[in-house]
Amino acid sequence: MDHLALVIATIAILLVGSALTVFLNRALRRRLTGIEARLHLPYDTVVLISRGLSALLWLCLALIILSTWGVGVTGMWAFLVSAATAIGVGFLATWTMVSNLTANIFLAIWHPFRLGQSIELLPKP
């Protein structure tokens, strides 16, 4: 009897999660479509944001189902948060390197100053 309750709970979680995912995706697309024209967002960006939210909701739904089945998900949550943090730090480091490389290329191409010239760095206001 316990297994039957577990199956019913899993099916209920899937049905509620599916309805919630569909509802949130429709609301998000409606909102993004209104913003799309004002911000000149390409349609691909709207689709990407919508699919990303949908994937995140399905991942949360899978973790809730695993928790219902008695599988410890605290370790998985810790892994996912650690992975997201590492990816964020990686993007930040990559952005810093790319901006420095771009600045170096601009300086090499336009030569705003030459060797031996005096330059003055103004303090930030």
C-alpha atoms as a PDB file:
ATOM      1  CA  MET A   1       0.000   0.000   0.000  1.00  0.00           C
ATOM      2  CA  ASP A   2       2.918   2.302   0.697  1.00  0.00           C
ATOM      3  CA  HIS A   3       4.153   1.888  -2.877  1.00  0.00           C
ATOM      4  CA  LEU A   4       0.756   2.858  -4.238  1.00  0.00           C
ATOM      5  CA  ALA A   5       0.789   6.099  -2.235  1.00  0.00           C
ATOM      6  CA  LEU A   6       4.281   6.829  -3.537  1.00  0.00           C
ATOM      7  CA  VAL A   7       3.172   6.283  -7.147  1.00  0.00           C
ATOM      8  CA  ILE A   8       0.103   8.479  -6.646  1.00  0.00           C
ATOM      9  CA  ALA A   9       2.240  11.211  -5.050  1.00  0.00           C
ATOM     10  CA  THR A  10       4.712  11.034  -7.942  1.00  0.00           C
ATOM     11  CA  ILE A  11       1.945  11.294 -10.528  1.00  0.00           C
ATOM     12  CA  ALA A  12       0.385  14.224  -8.649  1.00  0.00           C
ATOM     13  CA  ILE A  13       3.747  16.008  -8.479  1.00  0.00           C
ATOM     14  CA  LEU A  14       4.274  15.456 -12.215  1.00  0.00           C
ATOM     15  CA  LEU A  15       0.800  16.736 -13.101  1.00  0.00           C
ATOM     16  CA  VAL A  16       1.067  19.838 -10.906  1.00  0.00           C
ATOM     17  CA  GLY A  17       4.638  20.477 -12.078  1.00  0.00           C
ATOM     18  CA  SER A  18       3.677  20.104 -15.738  1.00  0.00           C
ATOM     19  CA  ALA A  19       0.747  22.496 -15.351  1.00  0.00           C
ATOM     20  CA  LEU A  20       2.935  24.973 -13.468  1.00  0.00           C
ATOM     21  CA  THR A  21       5.655  24.760 -16.127  1.00  0.00           C
ATOM     22  CA  VAL A  22       3.177  25.361 -18.950  1.00  0.00           C
ATOM     23  CA  PHE A  23       1.542  28.262 -17.077  1.00  0.00           C
ATOM     24  CA  LEU A  24       4.864  29.932 -16.249  1.00  0.00           C
ATOM     25  CA  ASN A  25       6.192  29.490 -19.785  1.00  0.00           C
ATOM     26  CA  ARG A  26       3.087  31.084 -21.272  1.00  0.00           C
ATOM     27  CA  ALA A  27       3.215  33.981 -18.804  1.00  0.00           C
ATOM     28  CA  LEU A  28       6.932  34.491 -19.432  1.00  0.00           C
ATOM     29  CA  ARG A  29       6.517  34.421 -23.212  1.00  0.00           C
ATOM     30  CA  ARG A  30       3.669  36.912 -22.985  1.00  0.00           C
ATOM     31  CA  ARG A  31       5.775  39.215 -20.819  1.00  0.00           C
ATOM     32  CA  LEU A  32       8.882  38.816 -22.999  1.00  0.00           C
ATOM     33  CA  THR A  33       6.905  39.425 -26.177  1.00  0.00           C
ATOM     34  CA  GLY A  34       5.816  42.770 -24.765  1.00  0.00           C
ATOM     35  CA  ILE A  35       9.368  43.621 -23.752  1.00  0.00           C
ATOM     36  CA  GLU A  36      10.840  42.232 -26.986  1.00  0.00           C
ATOM     37  CA  ALA A  37       9.751  45.198 -29.106  1.00  0.00           C
ATOM     38  CA  ARG A  38      10.903  47.827 -26.599  1.00  0.00           C
ATOM     39  CA  LEU A  39      14.341  46.283 -25.982  1.00  0.00           C
ATOM     40  CA  HIS A  40      14.807  45.050 -29.559  1.00  0.00           C
ATOM     41  CA  LEU A  41      15.380  41.486 -28.343  1.00  0.00           C
ATOM     42  CA  PRO A  42      15.704  38.852 -31.028  1.00  0.00           C
ATOM     43  CA  TYR A  43      13.122  36.081 -30.935  1.00  0.00           C
ATOM     44  CA  ASP A  44      15.893  33.549 -30.295  1.00  0.00           C
ATOM     45  CA  THR A  45      16.642  35.256 -26.975  1.00  0.00           C
ATOM     46  CA  VAL A  46      13.012  34.977 -25.915  1.00  0.00           C
ATOM     47  CA  VAL A  47      13.006  31.280 -26.789  1.00  0.00           C
ATOM     48  CA  LEU A  48      16.318  30.712 -24.981  1.00  0.00           C
ATOM     49  CA  ILE A  49      15.093  32.386 -21.777  1.00  0.00           C
ATOM     50  CA  SER A  50      11.840  30.460 -21.922  1.00  0.00           C
ATOM     51  CA  ARG A  51      13.572  27.112 -22.456  1.00  0.00           C
ATOM     52  CA  GLY A  52      16.082  27.861 -19.718  1.00  0.00           C
ATOM     53  CA  LEU A  53      13.292  28.535 -17.225  1.00  0.00           C
ATOM     54  CA  SER A  54      11.502  25.381 -18.336  1.00  0.00           C
ATOM     55  CA  ALA A  55      14.657  23.287 -17.868  1.00  0.00           C
ATOM     56  CA  LEU A  56      15.197  24.781 -14.418  1.00  0.00           C
ATOM     57  CA  LEU A  57      11.616  23.983 -13.412  1.00  0.00           C
ATOM     58  CA  TRP A  58      11.930  20.387 -14.652  1.00  0.00           C
ATOM     59  CA  LEU A  59      15.192  19.980 -12.739  1.00  0.00           C
ATOM     60  CA  CYS A  60      13.531  21.213  -9.545  1.00  0.00           C
ATOM     61  CA  LEU A  61      10.608  18.893 -10.220  1.00  0.00           C
ATOM     62  CA  ALA A  62      12.965  15.915 -10.635  1.00  0.00           C
ATOM     63  CA  LEU A  63      14.704  16.749  -7.358  1.00  0.00           C
ATOM     64  CA  ILE A  64      11.341  17.028  -5.572  1.00  0.00           C
ATOM     65  CA  ILE A  65      10.324  13.615  -6.921  1.00  0.00           C
ATOM     66  CA  LEU A  66      13.643  12.103  -5.830  1.00  0.00           C
ATOM     67  CA  SER A  67      13.121  13.598  -2.385  1.00  0.00           C
ATOM     68  CA  THR A  68       9.622  12.093  -2.284  1.00  0.00           C
ATOM     69  CA  TRP A  69      11.092   8.691  -3.111  1.00  0.00           C
ATOM     70  CA  GLY A  70      13.445   9.010  -0.159  1.00  0.00           C
ATOM     71  CA  VAL A  71      16.641   9.762  -2.092  1.00  0.00           C
ATOM     72  CA  GLY A  72      18.828  12.302  -0.287  1.00  0.00           C
ATOM     73  CA  VAL A  73      19.047  15.336  -2.540  1.00  0.00           C
ATOM     74  CA  THR A  74      21.010  17.652  -0.258  1.00  0.00           C
ATOM     75  CA  GLY A  75      24.232  16.479  -1.860  1.00  0.00           C
ATOM     76  CA  MET A  76      22.790  17.068  -5.322  1.00  0.00           C
ATOM     77  CA  TRP A  77      21.675  20.591  -4.374  1.00  0.00           C
ATOM     78  CA  ALA A  78      25.151  21.309  -3.028  1.00  0.00           C
ATOM     79  CA  PHE A  79      26.706  19.980  -6.247  1.00  0.00           C
ATOM     80  CA  LEU A  80      24.380  22.038  -8.461  1.00  0.00           C
ATOM     81  CA  VAL A  81      24.999  25.240  -6.500  1.00  0.00           C
ATOM     82  CA  SER A  82      28.762  24.608  -6.556  1.00  0.00           C
ATOM     83  CA  ALA A  83      28.690  23.970 -10.303  1.00  0.00           C
ATOM     84  CA  ALA A  84      26.671  27.154 -10.923  1.00  0.00           C
ATOM     85  CA  THR A  85      29.132  29.138  -8.806  1.00  0.00           C
ATOM     86  CA  ALA A  86      32.119  27.698 -10.662  1.00  0.00           C
ATOM     87  CA  ILE A  87      30.498  28.504 -14.009  1.00  0.00           C
ATOM     88  CA  GLY A  88      29.778  32.062 -12.864  1.00  0.00           C
ATOM     89  CA  VAL A  89      33.364  32.587 -11.724  1.00  0.00           C
ATOM     90  CA  GLY A  90      34.575  31.130 -15.019  1.00  0.00           C
ATOM     91  CA  PHE A  91      32.407  33.553 -16.991  1.00  0.00           C
ATOM     92  CA  LEU A  92      33.686  36.457 -14.903  1.00  0.00           C
ATOM     93  CA  ALA A  93      37.320  35.435 -15.472  1.00  0.00           C
ATOM     94  CA  THR A  94      36.706  34.945 -19.187  1.00  0.00           C
ATOM     95  CA  TRP A  95      35.011  38.347 -19.448  1.00  0.00           C
ATOM     96  CA  THR A  96      37.976  39.997 -17.717  1.00  0.00           C
ATOM     97  CA  MET A  97      40.481  38.346 -20.046  1.00  0.00           C
ATOM     98  CA  VAL A  98      38.460  39.176 -23.149  1.00  0.00           C
ATOM     99  CA  SER A  99      38.083  42.832 -22.119  1.00  0.00           C
ATOM    100  CA  ASN A 100      41.838  43.117 -21.485  1.00  0.00           C
ATOM    101  CA  LEU A 101      42.600  41.468 -24.830  1.00  0.00           C
ATOM    102  CA  THR A 102      40.167  43.792 -26.613  1.00  0.00           C
ATOM    103  CA  ALA A 103      41.707  46.863 -24.956  1.00  0.00           C
ATOM    104  CA  ASN A 104      45.174  45.654 -25.972  1.00  0.00           C
ATOM    105  CA  ILE A 105      44.068  45.238 -29.587  1.00  0.00           C
ATOM    106  CA  PHE A 106      42.525  48.737 -29.630  1.00  0.00           C
ATOM    107  CA  LEU A 107      45.720  50.236 -28.217  1.00  0.00           C
ATOM    108  CA  ALA A 108      47.834  48.360 -30.753  1.00  0.00           C
ATOM    109  CA  ILE A 109      45.684  49.431 -33.711  1.00  0.00           C
ATOM    110  CA  TRP A 110      45.003  53.104 -32.945  1.00  0.00           C
ATOM    111  CA  HIS A 111      48.210  54.050 -31.053  1.00  0.00           C
ATOM    112  CA  PRO A 112      46.665  56.815 -28.933  1.00  0.00           C
ATOM    113  CA  PHE A 113      50.121  57.474 -27.477  1.00  0.00           C
ATOM    114  CA  ARG A 114      53.718  56.559 -28.308  1.00  0.00           C
ATOM    115  CA  LEU A 115      56.746  55.583 -26.290  1.00  0.00           C
ATOM    116  CA  GLY A 116      58.303  58.567 -24.555  1.00  0.00           C
ATOM    117  CA  GLN A 117      55.082  60.585 -24.426  1.00  0.00           C
ATOM    118  CA  SER A 118      53.734  61.772 -21.084  1.00  0.00           C
ATOM    119  CA  ILE A 119      50.185  60.780 -20.224  1.00  0.00           C
ATOM    120  CA  GLU A 120      48.043  61.877 -17.328  1.00  0.00           C
ATOM    121  CA  LEU A 121      45.575  59.515 -15.660  1.00  0.00           C
ATOM    122  CA  LEU A 122      42.629  61.392 -14.229  1.00  0.00           C
ATOM    123  CA  PRO A 123      41.130  60.160 -10.955  1.00  0.00           C
ATOM    124  CA  LYS A 124      37.650  58.722 -11.015  1.00  0.00           C
ATOM    125  CA  PRO A 125      34.990  61.267  -9.968  1.00  0.00           C
END
